[in-house]
Structures are given as C-alpha cells and as structure tokens.
Amino acid sequence: MVEHRGCTGDRVIQWTTTFSVVVLAGTAAVLSYKHMYVLVRRYGETSWVAALSPVSVDGMIAAAPLSQLADSRQYRRSGWLPWALLVIGSLASLRRTLRSRILLWSGAWSPHGRVAL
C-alpha cells in the first residue's frame, strides 16, 4: 500500500474538516451559552450567576472527554468520574434545552429573554 504523506489533497481535507469542526463547535457554544444565560436570568438569578451557570454545565461536558482522552493516551482505563461528569452535564444541558423550548412553545418566554406579552 502506498502512503501519500503530505499530499495536498489530504491537507486540504484535514484543514477543511478542522475549520468546519471549529465553526460548528463555536456556534454550538454560543447558542448553548445564550440559552442557559437567558433561562437562568428568567428565573430571577443575578447576572453573575447566570454568566457562570453555562460555563459549569458545558465545562463538565468538555472536561469529561478530555480526561478520557488523556487516560487513553496513557493506556489507562478511565475511572467513573469522567463518565459521571459527561452524563450529569449532558442531562443538565438536555434539561435546560427542554425547559427553554417548553417555555418558548407555551408563550411564556420569548427567544430574546423578555417575557412575551
């Protein structure tokens, strides 16, 4: 089998894939942050609590696979903590999304964070 190291086509594919993943991850992060910030503010929390809440939830989701990757690179099995963080963070994110959708569908909340009249 012939290996094509440094082939221009392979580099274009790699850079295009990397760019696409960065754009999608950035978009998802901004939207996720905005939804949780607005939801927490809607429930009467202060602005600093609303600013930190999305970071704590999404931080759990980001930290868990990085810990698993580090373990994998050292040929170790991941313990229960990264899996627990991933599950808890994902469930909290899902709950946040469902709650904001329910409020939006019920007419009790507008997408801009203002109460619909």
PDB file of N, CA and C in Angstrom:
ATOM      1  N   MET A   1       0.839  -1.170   0.000  1.00  0.00           N
ATOM      2  CA  MET A   1       0.000   0.000   0.000  1.00  0.00           C
ATOM      3  C   MET A   1       0.889   1.240   0.000  1.00  0.00           C
ATOM      4  N   VAL A   2       0.593   2.175  -0.857  1.00  0.00           N
ATOM      5  CA  VAL A   2       1.394   3.388  -0.984  1.00  0.00           C
ATOM      6  C   VAL A   2       0.865   4.458  -0.028  1.00  0.00           C
ATOM      7  N   GLU A   3       1.785   5.045   0.737  1.00  0.00           N
ATOM      8  CA  GLU A   3       1.394   6.105   1.667  1.00  0.00           C
ATOM      9  C   GLU A   3       1.691   7.455   1.021  1.00  0.00           C
ATOM     10  N   HIS A   4       0.721   8.339   1.054  1.00  0.00           N
ATOM     11  CA  HIS A   4       0.864   9.663   0.444  1.00  0.00           C
ATOM     12  C   HIS A   4       1.014  10.708   1.529  1.00  0.00           C
ATOM     13  N   ARG A   5       2.172  10.759   2.159  1.00  0.00           N
ATOM     14  CA  ARG A   5       2.405  11.741   3.213  1.00  0.00           C
ATOM     15  C   ARG A   5       2.537  13.118   2.598  1.00  0.00           C
ATOM     16  N   GLY A   6       1.820  14.057   3.170  1.00  0.00           N
ATOM     17  CA  GLY A   6       1.946  15.430   2.726  1.00  0.00           C
ATOM     18  C   GLY A   6       1.228  15.742   1.429  1.00  0.00           C
ATOM     19  N   CYS A   7       0.383  14.844   0.982  1.00  0.00           N
ATOM     20  CA  CYS A   7      -0.362  15.080  -0.245  1.00  0.00           C
ATOM     21  C   CYS A   7      -1.230  16.326  -0.068  1.00  0.00           C
ATOM     22  N   THR A   8      -1.256  17.188  -1.054  1.00  0.00           N
ATOM     23  CA  THR A   8      -2.005  18.443  -0.971  1.00  0.00           C
ATOM     24  C   THR A   8      -3.483  18.189  -0.727  1.00  0.00           C
ATOM     25  N   GLY A   9      -4.052  17.202  -1.394  1.00  0.00           N
ATOM     26  CA  GLY A   9      -5.462  16.881  -1.203  1.00  0.00           C
ATOM     27  C   GLY A   9      -5.776  16.475   0.219  1.00  0.00           C
ATOM     28  N   ASP A  10      -4.887  15.693   0.832  1.00  0.00           N
ATOM     29  CA  ASP A  10      -5.077  15.273   2.220  1.00  0.00           C
ATOM     30  C   ASP A  10      -5.021  16.463   3.167  1.00  0.00           C
ATOM     31  N   ARG A  11      -4.120  17.389   2.899  1.00  0.00           N
ATOM     32  CA  ARG A  11      -4.016  18.578   3.750  1.00  0.00           C
ATOM     33  C   ARG A  11      -5.248  19.463   3.619  1.00  0.00           C
ATOM     34  N   VAL A  12      -5.768  19.588   2.415  1.00  0.00           N
ATOM     35  CA  VAL A  12      -6.986  20.382   2.210  1.00  0.00           C
ATOM     36  C   VAL A  12      -8.153  19.756   2.974  1.00  0.00           C
ATOM     37  N   ILE A  13      -8.279  18.441   2.890  1.00  0.00           N
ATOM     38  CA  ILE A  13      -9.345  17.742   3.617  1.00  0.00           C
ATOM     39  C   ILE A  13      -9.178  17.945   5.119  1.00  0.00           C
ATOM     40  N   GLN A  14      -7.953  17.807   5.625  1.00  0.00           N
ATOM     41  CA  GLN A  14      -7.704  17.961   7.053  1.00  0.00           C
ATOM     42  C   GLN A  14      -8.027  19.379   7.512  1.00  0.00           C
ATOM     43  N   TRP A  15      -7.577  20.391   6.798  1.00  0.00           N
ATOM     44  CA  TRP A  15      -7.844  21.771   7.192  1.00  0.00           C
ATOM     45  C   TRP A  15      -9.320  22.128   7.055  1.00  0.00           C
ATOM     46  N   THR A  16      -9.971  21.625   6.022  1.00  0.00           N
ATOM     47  CA  THR A  16     -11.405  21.890   5.855  1.00  0.00           C
ATOM     48  C   THR A  16     -12.204  21.253   6.983  1.00  0.00           C
ATOM     49  N   THR A  17     -11.841  20.034   7.335  1.00  0.00           N
ATOM     50  CA  THR A  17     -12.517  19.352   8.442  1.00  0.00           C
ATOM     51  C   THR A  17     -12.293  20.095   9.751  1.00  0.00           C
ATOM     52  N   THR A  18     -11.070  20.484  10.018  1.00  0.00           N
ATOM     53  CA  THR A  18     -10.754  21.219  11.244  1.00  0.00           C
ATOM     54  C   THR A  18     -11.523  22.529  11.304  1.00  0.00           C
ATOM     55  N   PHE A  19     -11.540  23.266  10.204  1.00  0.00           N
ATOM     56  CA  PHE A  19     -12.265  24.531  10.150  1.00  0.00           C
ATOM     57  C   PHE A  19     -13.754  24.310  10.405  1.00  0.00           C
ATOM     58  N   SER A  20     -14.330  23.292   9.784  1.00  0.00           N
ATOM     59  CA  SER A  20     -15.758  23.006   9.961  1.00  0.00           C
ATOM     60  C   SER A  20     -16.083  22.656  11.405  1.00  0.00           C
ATOM     61  N   VAL A  21     -15.254  21.839  12.024  1.00  0.00           N
ATOM     62  CA  VAL A  21     -15.485  21.457  13.415  1.00  0.00           C
ATOM     63  C   VAL A  21     -15.381  22.672  14.331  1.00  0.00           C
ATOM     64  N   VAL A  22     -14.407  23.535  14.103  1.00  0.00           N
ATOM     65  CA  VAL A  22     -14.245  24.736  14.934  1.00  0.00           C
ATOM     66  C   VAL A  22     -15.443  25.663  14.783  1.00  0.00           C
ATOM     67  N   VAL A  23     -15.918  25.866  13.553  1.00  0.00           N
ATOM     68  CA  VAL A  23     -17.076  26.735  13.330  1.00  0.00           C
ATOM     69  C   VAL A  23     -18.322  26.152  13.992  1.00  0.00           C
ATOM     70  N   LEU A  24     -18.564  24.863  13.802  1.00  0.00           N
ATOM     71  CA  LEU A  24     -19.735  24.230  14.415  1.00  0.00           C
ATOM     72  C   LEU A  24     -19.655  24.236  15.942  1.00  0.00           C
ATOM     73  N   ALA A  25     -18.497  23.940  16.487  1.00  0.00           N
ATOM     74  CA  ALA A  25     -18.340  23.944  17.947  1.00  0.00           C
ATOM     75  C   ALA A  25     -18.518  25.354  18.505  1.00  0.00           C
ATOM     76  N   GLY A  26     -17.983  26.344  17.823  1.00  0.00           N
ATOM     77  CA  GLY A  26     -18.156  27.729  18.266  1.00  0.00           C
ATOM     78  C   GLY A  26     -19.603  28.164  18.229  1.00  0.00           C
ATOM     79  N   THR A  27     -20.295  27.815  17.164  1.00  0.00           N
ATOM     80  CA  THR A  27     -21.718  28.152  17.049  1.00  0.00           C
ATOM     81  C   THR A  27     -22.521  27.475  18.150  1.00  0.00           C
ATOM     82  N   ALA A  28     -22.274  26.193  18.370  1.00  0.00           N
ATOM     83  CA  ALA A  28     -22.986  25.462  19.418  1.00  0.00           C
ATOM     84  C   ALA A  28     -22.694  26.049  20.794  1.00  0.00           C
ATOM     85  N   ALA A  29     -21.454  26.439  21.036  1.00  0.00           N
ATOM     86  CA  ALA A  29     -21.093  27.011  22.334  1.00  0.00           C
ATOM     87  C   ALA A  29     -21.812  28.334  22.579  1.00  0.00           C
ATOM     88  N   VAL A  30     -21.847  29.192  21.570  1.00  0.00           N
ATOM     89  CA  VAL A  30     -22.520  30.495  21.718  1.00  0.00           C
ATOM     90  C   VAL A  30     -24.013  30.304  21.962  1.00  0.00           C
ATOM     91  N   LEU A  31     -24.646  29.448  21.178  1.00  0.00           N
ATOM     92  CA  LEU A  31     -26.085  29.229  21.340  1.00  0.00           C
ATOM     93  C   LEU A  31     -26.406  28.568  22.678  1.00  0.00           C
ATOM     94  N   SER A  32     -25.604  27.603  23.077  1.00  0.00           N
ATOM     95  CA  SER A  32     -25.814  26.927  24.344  1.00  0.00           C
ATOM     96  C   SER A  32     -25.665  27.917  25.497  1.00  0.00           C
ATOM     97  N   TYR A  33     -24.628  28.739  25.438  1.00  0.00           N
ATOM     98  CA  TYR A  33     -24.394  29.731  26.487  1.00  0.00           C
ATOM     99  C   TYR A  33     -25.564  30.709  26.563  1.00  0.00           C
ATOM    100  N   LYS A  34     -25.999  31.193  25.410  1.00  0.00           N
ATOM    101  CA  LYS A  34     -27.080  32.179  25.385  1.00  0.00           C
ATOM    102  C   LYS A  34     -28.371  31.593  25.964  1.00  0.00           C
ATOM    103  N   HIS A  35     -28.716  30.381  25.545  1.00  0.00           N
ATOM    104  CA  HIS A  35     -29.947  29.768  26.046  1.00  0.00           C
ATOM    105  C   HIS A  35     -29.922  29.632  27.567  1.00  0.00           C
ATOM    106  N   MET A  36     -28.817  29.149  28.104  1.00  0.00           N
ATOM    107  CA  MET A  36     -28.776  28.944  29.553  1.00  0.00           C
ATOM    108  C   MET A  36     -28.728  30.278  30.285  1.00  0.00           C
ATOM    109  N   TYR A  37     -27.983  31.244  29.784  1.00  0.00           N
ATOM    110  CA  TYR A  37     -27.902  32.554  30.422  1.00  0.00           C
ATOM    111  C   TYR A  37     -29.291  33.187  30.520  1.00  0.00           C
ATOM    112  N   VAL A  38     -30.015  33.189  29.401  1.00  0.00           N
ATOM    113  CA  VAL A  38     -31.352  33.785  29.371  1.00  0.00           C
ATOM    114  C   VAL A  38     -32.297  33.020  30.290  1.00  0.00           C
ATOM    115  N   LEU A  39     -32.212  31.694  30.282  1.00  0.00           N
ATOM    116  CA  LEU A  39     -33.086  30.886  31.126  1.00  0.00           C
ATOM    117  C   LEU A  39     -32.830  31.153  32.613  1.00  0.00           C
ATOM    118  N   VAL A  40     -31.571  31.210  33.001  1.00  0.00           N
ATOM    119  CA  VAL A  40     -31.237  31.456  34.406  1.00  0.00           C
ATOM    120  C   VAL A  40     -31.663  32.872  34.816  1.00  0.00           C
ATOM    121  N   ARG A  41     -31.459  33.838  33.947  1.00  0.00           N
ATOM    122  CA  ARG A  41     -31.908  35.207  34.234  1.00  0.00           C
ATOM    123  C   ARG A  41     -33.432  35.262  34.350  1.00  0.00           C
ATOM    124  N   ARG A  42     -34.103  34.505  33.506  1.00  0.00           N
ATOM    125  CA  ARG A  42     -35.571  34.473  33.504  1.00  0.00           C
ATOM    126  C   ARG A  42     -36.111  33.998  34.851  1.00  0.00           C
ATOM    127  N   TYR A  43     -35.354  33.117  35.496  1.00  0.00           N
ATOM    128  CA  TYR A  43     -35.771  32.607  36.794  1.00  0.00           C
ATOM    129  C   TYR A  43     -35.277  33.459  37.957  1.00  0.00           C
ATOM    130  N   GLY A  44     -34.790  34.660  37.656  1.00  0.00           N
ATOM    131  CA  GLY A  44     -34.503  35.644  38.691  1.00  0.00           C
ATOM    132  C   GLY A  44     -33.114  35.622  39.292  1.00  0.00           C
ATOM    133  N   GLU A  45     -32.194  34.869  38.730  1.00  0.00           N
ATOM    134  CA  GLU A  45     -30.835  34.857  39.263  1.00  0.00           C
ATOM    135  C   GLU A  45     -30.087  36.125  38.839  1.00  0.00           C
ATOM    136  N   THR A  46     -29.053  36.446  39.609  1.00  0.00           N
ATOM    137  CA  THR A  46     -28.238  37.612  39.284  1.00  0.00           C
ATOM    138  C   THR A  46     -27.447  37.360  38.013  1.00  0.00           C
ATOM    139  N   SER A  47     -26.922  38.446  37.441  1.00  0.00           N
ATOM    140  CA  SER A  47     -26.213  38.306  36.164  1.00  0.00           C
ATOM    141  C   SER A  47     -24.942  37.473  36.302  1.00  0.00           C
ATOM    142  N   TRP A  48     -24.235  37.555  37.440  1.00  0.00           N
ATOM    143  CA  TRP A  48     -23.008  36.781  37.570  1.00  0.00           C
ATOM    144  C   TRP A  48     -23.299  35.294  37.727  1.00  0.00           C
ATOM    145  N   VAL A  49     -24.392  34.943  38.393  1.00  0.00           N
ATOM    146  CA  VAL A  49     -24.786  33.534  38.497  1.00  0.00           C
ATOM    147  C   VAL A  49     -25.197  33.022  37.119  1.00  0.00           C
ATOM    148  N   ALA A  50     -25.944  33.841  36.393  1.00  0.00           N
ATOM    149  CA  ALA A  50     -26.364  33.453  35.041  1.00  0.00           C
ATOM    150  C   ALA A  50     -25.171  33.323  34.109  1.00  0.00           C
ATOM    151  N   ALA A  51     -24.137  34.126  34.319  1.00  0.00           N
ATOM    152  CA  ALA A  51     -22.947  34.060  33.464  1.00  0.00           C
ATOM    153  C   ALA A  51     -22.115  32.808  33.755  1.00  0.00           C
ATOM    154  N   LEU A  52     -22.094  32.367  35.008  1.00  0.00           N
ATOM    155  CA  LEU A  52     -21.278  31.201  35.373  1.00  0.00           C
ATOM    156  C   LEU A  52     -21.989  29.868  35.178  1.00  0.00           C
ATOM    157  N   SER A  53     -23.296  29.856  35.228  1.00  0.00           N
ATOM    158  CA  SER A  53     -24.043  28.602  35.105  1.00  0.00           C
ATOM    159  C   SER A  53     -23.763  27.858  33.802  1.00  0.00           C
ATOM    160  N   PRO A  54     -23.785  28.525  32.646  1.00  0.00           N
ATOM    161  CA  PRO A  54     -23.492  27.788  31.415  1.00  0.00           C
ATOM    162  C   PRO A  54     -22.073  27.233  31.383  1.00  0.00           C
ATOM    163  N   VAL A  55     -21.145  27.965  31.977  1.00  0.00           N
ATOM    164  CA  VAL A  55     -19.754  27.504  31.994  1.00  0.00           C
ATOM    165  C   VAL A  55     -19.626  26.227  32.817  1.00  0.00           C
ATOM    166  N   SER A  56     -20.351  26.150  33.926  1.00  0.00           N
ATOM    167  CA  SER A  56     -20.248  24.960  34.768  1.00  0.00           C
ATOM    168  C   SER A  56     -20.834  23.739  34.074  1.00  0.00           C
ATOM    169  N   VAL A  57     -21.975  23.894  33.435  1.00  0.00           N
ATOM    170  CA  VAL A  57     -22.610  22.756  32.757  1.00  0.00           C
ATOM    171  C   VAL A  57     -21.805  22.342  31.527  1.00  0.00           C
ATOM    172  N   ASP A  58     -21.510  23.293  30.655  1.00  0.00           N
ATOM    173  CA  ASP A  58     -20.773  22.956  29.438  1.00  0.00           C
ATOM    174  C   ASP A  58     -19.324  22.579  29.744  1.00  0.00           C
ATOM    175  N   GLY A  59     -18.788  23.114  30.842  1.00  0.00           N
ATOM    176  CA  GLY A  59     -17.436  22.737  31.254  1.00  0.00           C
ATOM    177  C   GLY A  59     -17.335  21.274  31.632  1.00  0.00           C
ATOM    178  N   MET A  60     -18.394  20.759  32.284  1.00  0.00           N
ATOM    179  CA  MET A  60     -18.406  19.324  32.619  1.00  0.00           C
ATOM    180  C   MET A  60     -18.375  18.488  31.342  1.00  0.00           C
ATOM    181  N   ILE A  61     -19.166  18.916  30.355  1.00  0.00           N
ATOM    182  CA  ILE A  61     -19.235  18.156  29.105  1.00  0.00           C
ATOM    183  C   ILE A  61     -17.899  18.213  28.365  1.00  0.00           C
ATOM    184  N   ALA A  62     -17.203  19.336  28.440  1.00  0.00           N
ATOM    185  CA  ALA A  62     -15.915  19.471  27.751  1.00  0.00           C
ATOM    186  C   ALA A  62     -14.788  18.754  28.500  1.00  0.00           C
ATOM    187  N   ALA A  63     -14.818  18.803  29.827  1.00  0.00           N
ATOM    188  CA  ALA A  63     -13.732  18.221  30.613  1.00  0.00           C
ATOM    189  C   ALA A  63     -13.736  16.695  30.594  1.00  0.00           C
ATOM    190  N   ALA A  64     -14.905  16.101  30.564  1.00  0.00           N
ATOM    191  CA  ALA A  64     -15.002  14.639  30.637  1.00  0.00           C
ATOM    192  C   ALA A  64     -14.275  13.933  29.485  1.00  0.00           C
ATOM    193  N   PRO A  65     -14.566  14.263  28.222  1.00  0.00           N
ATOM    194  CA  PRO A  65     -13.850  13.555  27.152  1.00  0.00           C
ATOM    195  C   PRO A  65     -12.362  13.888  27.097  1.00  0.00           C
ATOM    196  N   LEU A  66     -11.979  15.092  27.553  1.00  0.00           N
ATOM    197  CA  LEU A  66     -10.551  15.408  27.579  1.00  0.00           C
ATOM    198  C   LEU A  66      -9.823  14.537  28.598  1.00  0.00           C
ATOM    199  N   SER A  67     -10.464  14.292  29.728  1.00  0.00           N
ATOM    200  CA  SER A  67      -9.899  13.393  30.722  1.00  0.00           C
ATOM    201  C   SER A  67      -9.812  11.968  30.184  1.00  0.00           C
ATOM    202  N   GLN A  68     -10.862  11.550  29.491  1.00  0.00           N
ATOM    203  CA  GLN A  68     -10.852  10.212  28.891  1.00  0.00           C
ATOM    204  C   GLN A  68      -9.767  10.094  27.825  1.00  0.00           C
ATOM    205  N   LEU A  69      -9.578  11.152  27.042  1.00  0.00           N
ATOM    206  CA  LEU A  69      -8.527  11.148  26.013  1.00  0.00           C
ATOM    207  C   LEU A  69      -7.153  11.059  26.650  1.00  0.00           C
ATOM    208  N   ALA A  70      -6.934  11.823  27.721  1.00  0.00           N
ATOM    209  CA  ALA A  70      -5.641  11.775  28.411  1.00  0.00           C
ATOM    210  C   ALA A  70      -5.374  10.372  28.962  1.00  0.00           C
ATOM    211  N   ASP A  71      -6.388   9.758  29.551  1.00  0.00           N
ATOM    212  CA  ASP A  71      -6.230   8.387  30.045  1.00  0.00           C
ATOM    213  C   ASP A  71      -5.917   7.425  28.908  1.00  0.00           C
ATOM    214  N   SER A  72      -6.627   7.574  27.806  1.00  0.00           N
ATOM    215  CA  SER A  72      -6.432   6.690  26.659  1.00  0.00           C
ATOM    216  C   SER A  72      -5.010   6.816  26.098  1.00  0.00           C
ATOM    217  N   ARG A  73      -4.507   8.022  26.063  1.00  0.00           N
ATOM    218  CA  ARG A  73      -3.151   8.233  25.530  1.00  0.00           C
ATOM    219  C   ARG A  73      -2.091   7.641  26.442  1.00  0.00           C
ATOM    220  N   GLN A  74      -2.429   7.437  27.710  1.00  0.00           N
ATOM    221  CA  GLN A  74      -1.510   6.805  28.660  1.00  0.00           C
ATOM    222  C   GLN A  74      -1.818   5.315  28.826  1.00  0.00           C
ATOM    223  N   TYR A  75      -2.700   4.794  27.972  1.00  0.00           N
ATOM    224  CA  TYR A  75      -3.110   3.386  28.007  1.00  0.00           C
ATOM    225  C   TYR A  75      -3.709   2.992  29.361  1.00  0.00           C
ATOM    226  N   ARG A  76      -4.521   3.910  29.919  1.00  0.00           N
ATOM    227  CA  ARG A  76      -5.225   3.644  31.170  1.00  0.00           C
ATOM    228  C   ARG A  76      -6.715   3.653  30.899  1.00  0.00           C
ATOM    229  N   ARG A  77      -7.447   2.898  31.722  1.00  0.00           N
ATOM    230  CA  ARG A  77      -8.903   2.959  31.657  1.00  0.00           C
ATOM    231  C   ARG A  77      -9.367   4.186  32.408  1.00  0.00           C
ATOM    232  N   SER A  78     -10.358   4.861  31.865  1.00  0.00           N
ATOM    233  CA  SER A  78     -10.937   5.996  32.570  1.00  0.00           C
ATOM    234  C   SER A  78     -11.725   5.490  33.759  1.00  0.00           C
ATOM    235  N   GLY A  79     -11.702   6.240  34.830  1.00  0.00           N
ATOM    236  CA  GLY A  79     -12.470   5.889  36.007  1.00  0.00           C
ATOM    237  C   GLY A  79     -13.931   6.284  35.823  1.00  0.00           C
ATOM    238  N   TRP A  80     -14.664   6.261  36.898  1.00  0.00           N
ATOM    239  CA  TRP A  80     -16.094   6.560  36.842  1.00  0.00           C
ATOM    240  C   TRP A  80     -16.356   8.065  36.770  1.00  0.00           C
ATOM    241  N   LEU A  81     -15.435   8.896  37.277  1.00  0.00           N
ATOM    242  CA  LEU A  81     -15.687  10.332  37.350  1.00  0.00           C
ATOM    243  C   LEU A  81     -15.887  10.990  35.983  1.00  0.00           C
ATOM    244  N   PRO A  82     -15.033  10.749  34.978  1.00  0.00           N
ATOM    245  CA  PRO A  82     -15.292  11.378  33.681  1.00  0.00           C
ATOM    246  C   PRO A  82     -16.636  10.967  33.087  1.00  0.00           C
ATOM    247  N   TRP A  83     -17.004   9.701  33.273  1.00  0.00           N
ATOM    248  CA  TRP A  83     -18.294   9.239  32.764  1.00  0.00           C
ATOM    249  C   TRP A  83     -19.445   9.901  33.513  1.00  0.00           C
ATOM    250  N   ALA A  84     -19.299  10.034  34.830  1.00  0.00           N
ATOM    251  CA  ALA A  84     -20.337  10.688  35.636  1.00  0.00           C
ATOM    252  C   ALA A  84     -20.488  12.149  35.217  1.00  0.00           C
ATOM    253  N   LEU A  85     -19.371  12.849  35.025  1.00  0.00           N
ATOM    254  CA  LEU A  85     -19.435  14.244  34.584  1.00  0.00           C
ATOM    255  C   LEU A  85     -20.104  14.365  33.219  1.00  0.00           C
ATOM    256  N   LEU A  86     -19.773  13.457  32.326  1.00  0.00           N
ATOM    257  CA  LEU A  86     -20.365  13.501  30.988  1.00  0.00           C
ATOM    258  C   LEU A  86     -21.876  13.283  31.049  1.00  0.00           C
ATOM    259  N   VAL A  87     -22.311  12.312  31.824  1.00  0.00           N
ATOM    260  CA  VAL A  87     -23.749  12.022  31.942  1.00  0.00           C
ATOM    261  C   VAL A  87     -24.479  13.162  32.636  1.00  0.00           C
ATOM    262  N   ILE A  88     -23.942  13.638  33.767  1.00  0.00           N
ATOM    263  CA  ILE A  88     -24.598  14.716  34.509  1.00  0.00           C
ATOM    264  C   ILE A  88     -24.648  15.996  33.681  1.00  0.00           C
ATOM    265  N   GLY A  89     -23.541  16.343  33.050  1.00  0.00           N
ATOM    266  CA  GLY A  89     -23.516  17.546  32.215  1.00  0.00           C
ATOM    267  C   GLY A  89     -24.459  17.450  31.035  1.00  0.00           C
ATOM    268  N   SER A  90     -24.513  16.284  30.403  1.00  0.00           N
ATOM    269  CA  SER A  90     -25.407  16.098  29.259  1.00  0.00           C
ATOM    270  C   SER A  90     -26.866  16.167  29.682  1.00  0.00           C
ATOM    271  N   LEU A  91     -27.193  15.553  30.824  1.00  0.00           N
ATOM    272  CA  LEU A  91     -28.572  15.612  31.312  1.00  0.00           C
ATOM    273  C   LEU A  91     -28.965  17.040  31.697  1.00  0.00           C
ATOM    274  N   ALA A  92     -28.045  17.775  32.317  1.00  0.00           N
ATOM    275  CA  ALA A  92     -28.334  19.169  32.673  1.00  0.00           C
ATOM    276  C   ALA A  92     -28.530  20.011  31.422  1.00  0.00           C
ATOM    277  N   SER A  93     -27.724  19.772  30.408  1.00  0.00           N
ATOM    278  CA  SER A  93     -27.862  20.513  29.154  1.00  0.00           C
ATOM    279  C   SER A  93     -29.176  20.172  28.459  1.00  0.00           C
ATOM    280  N   LEU A  94     -29.532  18.893  28.462  1.00  0.00           N
ATOM    281  CA  LEU A  94     -30.799  18.473  27.865  1.00  0.00           C
ATOM    282  C   LEU A  94     -31.979  19.079  28.611  1.00  0.00           C
ATOM    283  N   ARG A  95     -31.913  19.079  29.930  1.00  0.00           N
ATOM    284  CA  ARG A  95     -32.982  19.667  30.747  1.00  0.00           C
ATOM    285  C   ARG A  95     -33.126  21.153  30.445  1.00  0.00           C
ATOM    286  N   ARG A  96     -32.002  21.839  30.346  1.00  0.00           N
ATOM    287  CA  ARG A  96     -32.016  23.274  30.028  1.00  0.00           C
ATOM    288  C   ARG A  96     -32.657  23.522  28.679  1.00  0.00           C
ATOM    289  N   THR A  97     -32.281  22.730  27.693  1.00  0.00           N
ATOM    290  CA  THR A  97     -32.835  22.901  26.353  1.00  0.00           C
ATOM    291  C   THR A  97     -34.330  22.627  26.336  1.00  0.00           C
ATOM    292  N   LEU A  98     -34.748  21.544  26.973  1.00  0.00           N
ATOM    293  CA  LEU A  98     -36.180  21.227  27.005  1.00  0.00           C
ATOM    294  C   LEU A  98     -36.977  22.288  27.747  1.00  0.00           C
ATOM    295  N   ARG A  99     -36.442  22.778  28.858  1.00  0.00           N
ATOM    296  CA  ARG A  99     -37.152  23.799  29.617  1.00  0.00           C
ATOM    297  C   ARG A  99     -37.304  25.078  28.801  1.00  0.00           C
ATOM    298  N   SER A 100     -36.256  25.492  28.104  1.00  0.00           N
ATOM    299  CA  SER A 100     -36.364  26.714  27.301  1.00  0.00           C
ATOM    300  C   SER A 100     -37.328  26.512  26.136  1.00  0.00           C
ATOM    301  N   ARG A 101     -37.338  25.318  25.539  1.00  0.00           N
ATOM    302  CA  ARG A 101     -38.283  25.037  24.443  1.00  0.00           C
ATOM    303  C   ARG A 101     -39.724  25.029  24.953  1.00  0.00           C
ATOM    304  N   ILE A 102     -39.955  24.429  26.121  1.00  0.00           N
ATOM    305  CA  ILE A 102     -41.313  24.382  26.683  1.00  0.00           C
ATOM    306  C   ILE A 102     -41.806  25.795  26.979  1.00  0.00           C
ATOM    307  N   LEU A 103     -40.938  26.616  27.569  1.00  0.00           N
ATOM    308  CA  LEU A 103     -41.326  27.998  27.844  1.00  0.00           C
ATOM    309  C   LEU A 103     -41.598  28.768  26.558  1.00  0.00           C
ATOM    310  N   LEU A 104     -40.794  28.519  25.545  1.00  0.00           N
ATOM    311  CA  LEU A 104     -40.983  29.205  24.266  1.00  0.00           C
ATOM    312  C   LEU A 104     -42.286  28.766  23.611  1.00  0.00           C
ATOM    313  N   TRP A 105     -42.550  27.461  23.604  1.00  0.00           N
ATOM    314  CA  TRP A 105     -43.774  26.940  22.978  1.00  0.00           C
ATOM    315  C   TRP A 105     -45.032  27.373  23.721  1.00  0.00           C
ATOM    316  N   SER A 106     -44.903  27.519  25.052  1.00  0.00           N
ATOM    317  CA  SER A 106     -46.076  27.901  25.835  1.00  0.00           C
ATOM    318  C   SER A 106     -46.381  29.392  25.727  1.00  0.00           C
ATOM    319  N   GLY A 107     -45.444  30.146  25.160  1.00  0.00           N
ATOM    320  CA  GLY A 107     -45.647  31.585  25.031  1.00  0.00           C
ATOM    321  C   GLY A 107     -45.236  32.364  26.257  1.00  0.00           C
ATOM    322  N   ALA A 108     -44.672  31.692  27.262  1.00  0.00           N
ATOM    323  CA  ALA A 108     -44.274  32.370  28.490  1.00  0.00           C
ATOM    324  C   ALA A 108     -42.894  33.006  28.382  1.00  0.00           C
ATOM    325  N   TRP A 109     -42.214  32.779  27.270  1.00  0.00           N
ATOM    326  CA  TRP A 109     -40.840  33.259  27.137  1.00  0.00           C
ATOM    327  C   TRP A 109     -40.574  33.555  25.675  1.00  0.00           C
ATOM    328  N   SER A 110     -39.891  34.629  25.413  1.00  0.00           N
ATOM    329  CA  SER A 110     -39.510  34.930  24.042  1.00  0.00           C
ATOM    330  C   SER A 110     -38.047  34.549  23.853  1.00  0.00           C
ATOM    331  N   PRO A 111     -37.597  34.323  22.629  1.00  0.00           N
ATOM    332  CA  PRO A 111     -36.213  33.906  22.411  1.00  0.00           C
ATOM    333  C   PRO A 111     -35.200  34.966  22.833  1.00  0.00           C
ATOM    334  N   HIS A 112     -35.641  36.197  23.015  1.00  0.00           N
ATOM    335  CA  HIS A 112     -34.713  37.273  23.370  1.00  0.00           C
ATOM    336  C   HIS A 112     -34.647  37.488  24.867  1.00  0.00           C
ATOM    337  N   GLY A 113     -35.282  36.621  25.641  1.00  0.00           N
ATOM    338  CA  GLY A 113     -35.193  36.684  27.081  1.00  0.00           C
ATOM    339  C   GLY A 113     -36.223  37.581  27.732  1.00  0.00           C
ATOM    340  N   ARG A 114     -37.105  38.163  26.958  1.00  0.00           N
ATOM    341  CA  ARG A 114     -38.140  39.023  27.513  1.00  0.00           C
ATOM    342  C   ARG A 114     -39.433  38.238  27.614  1.00  0.00           C
ATOM    343  N   VAL A 115     -40.188  38.528  28.610  1.00  0.00           N
ATOM    344  CA  VAL A 115     -41.462  37.840  28.786  1.00  0.00           C
ATOM    345  C   VAL A 115     -42.394  38.277  27.671  1.00  0.00           C
ATOM    346  N   ALA A 116     -42.987  37.299  27.004  1.00  0.00           N
ATOM    347  CA  ALA A 116     -43.931  37.609  25.918  1.00  0.00           C
ATOM    348  C   ALA A 116     -45.226  38.154  26.517  1.00  0.00           C
ATOM    349  N   LEU A 117     -45.707  39.216  25.951  1.00  0.00           N
ATOM    350  CA  LEU A 117     -46.962  39.828  26.435  1.00  0.00           C
ATOM    351  C   LEU A 117     -48.142  39.356  25.645  1.00  0.00           C
TER     352      LEU A 117
END
